[in-house]
Amino acid sequence: MALQNHLTELERKHRALEREIQDALNHPSLDDTRLVELKRRKLQLKDEIARLRDNTVVH
C-alpha cells in the first residue's frame, strides 16, 4: 500500500507541475530557464512513475 501512496503523491506533483507549466506559458514574461526547469522536473516525475509502475507489474 505504501507504493500506491507514493505513486499517488508523484502523480499529484506531476499534475501540479503541469498546471504550473500551463500558467507559465500563459504569461510569456516568465524566464525561459524557469520553464525548462519545470518541464525537466515534470519529465523526471513521469519517468519515476513509469519505472515504479513497471516494477509493480513485474513483481
Protein backbone atom coordinates (compact mmCIF):
# COMPACT_ATOMS: atom_id res chain seq x y z
CA MET A 1 0.00 0.00 0.00
CA ALA A 2 2.92 2.35 0.65
CA LEU A 3 3.93 2.06 -3.00
CA GLN A 4 0.45 3.07 -4.13
CA ASN A 5 0.54 6.08 -1.80
CA HIS A 6 3.92 7.06 -3.22
CA LEU A 7 2.61 6.74 -6.78
CA THR A 8 -0.43 8.84 -5.91
CA GLU A 9 1.79 11.56 -4.47
CA LEU A 10 4.07 11.53 -7.53
CA GLU A 11 1.03 11.81 -9.80
CA ARG A 12 -0.26 14.74 -7.74
CA LYS A 13 3.10 16.51 -8.09
CA HIS A 14 3.11 15.77 -11.83
CA ARG A 15 -0.34 17.37 -12.24
CA ALA A 16 0.74 20.39 -10.18
CA LEU A 17 3.79 20.88 -12.41
CA GLU A 18 1.57 20.60 -15.50
CA ARG A 19 -0.63 23.39 -14.15
CA GLU A 20 2.41 25.49 -13.31
CA ILE A 21 3.81 24.99 -16.83
CA GLN A 22 0.48 25.98 -18.38
CA ASP A 23 0.35 29.10 -16.21
CA ALA A 24 3.90 29.95 -17.26
CA LEU A 25 3.02 29.54 -20.93
CA ASN A 26 0.11 31.92 -20.45
CA HIS A 27 2.49 34.53 -19.01
CA PRO A 28 5.29 34.93 -21.53
CA SER A 29 7.24 37.18 -19.18
CA LEU A 30 8.45 34.07 -17.35
CA ASP A 31 12.14 33.32 -17.72
CA ASP A 32 12.76 30.55 -20.27
CA THR A 33 15.18 28.81 -17.93
CA ARG A 34 12.41 28.51 -15.33
CA LEU A 35 10.12 26.91 -17.90
CA VAL A 36 12.84 24.45 -18.92
CA GLU A 37 13.38 23.55 -15.25
CA LEU A 38 9.66 22.92 -14.71
CA LYS A 39 9.50 20.69 -17.78
CA ARG A 40 12.61 18.79 -16.69
CA ARG A 41 11.14 18.14 -13.23
CA LYS A 42 7.84 17.04 -14.78
CA LEU A 43 9.66 14.59 -17.06
CA GLN A 44 11.64 13.20 -14.13
CA LEU A 45 8.40 12.57 -12.23
CA LYS A 46 6.86 10.91 -15.28
CA ASP A 47 9.89 8.64 -15.64
CA GLU A 48 9.82 7.72 -11.95
CA ILE A 49 6.09 6.96 -12.09
CA ALA A 50 6.61 4.73 -15.14
CA ARG A 51 9.54 2.95 -13.51
CA LEU A 52 7.58 2.26 -10.33
CA ARG A 53 4.57 1.01 -12.30
CA ASP A 54 6.78 -1.27 -14.40
CA ASN A 55 8.39 -2.69 -11.26
CA THR A 56 4.97 -3.25 -9.71
CA VAL A 57 3.75 -5.20 -12.76
CA VAL A 58 6.90 -7.36 -12.89
CA HIS A 59 6.80 -8.34 -9.21
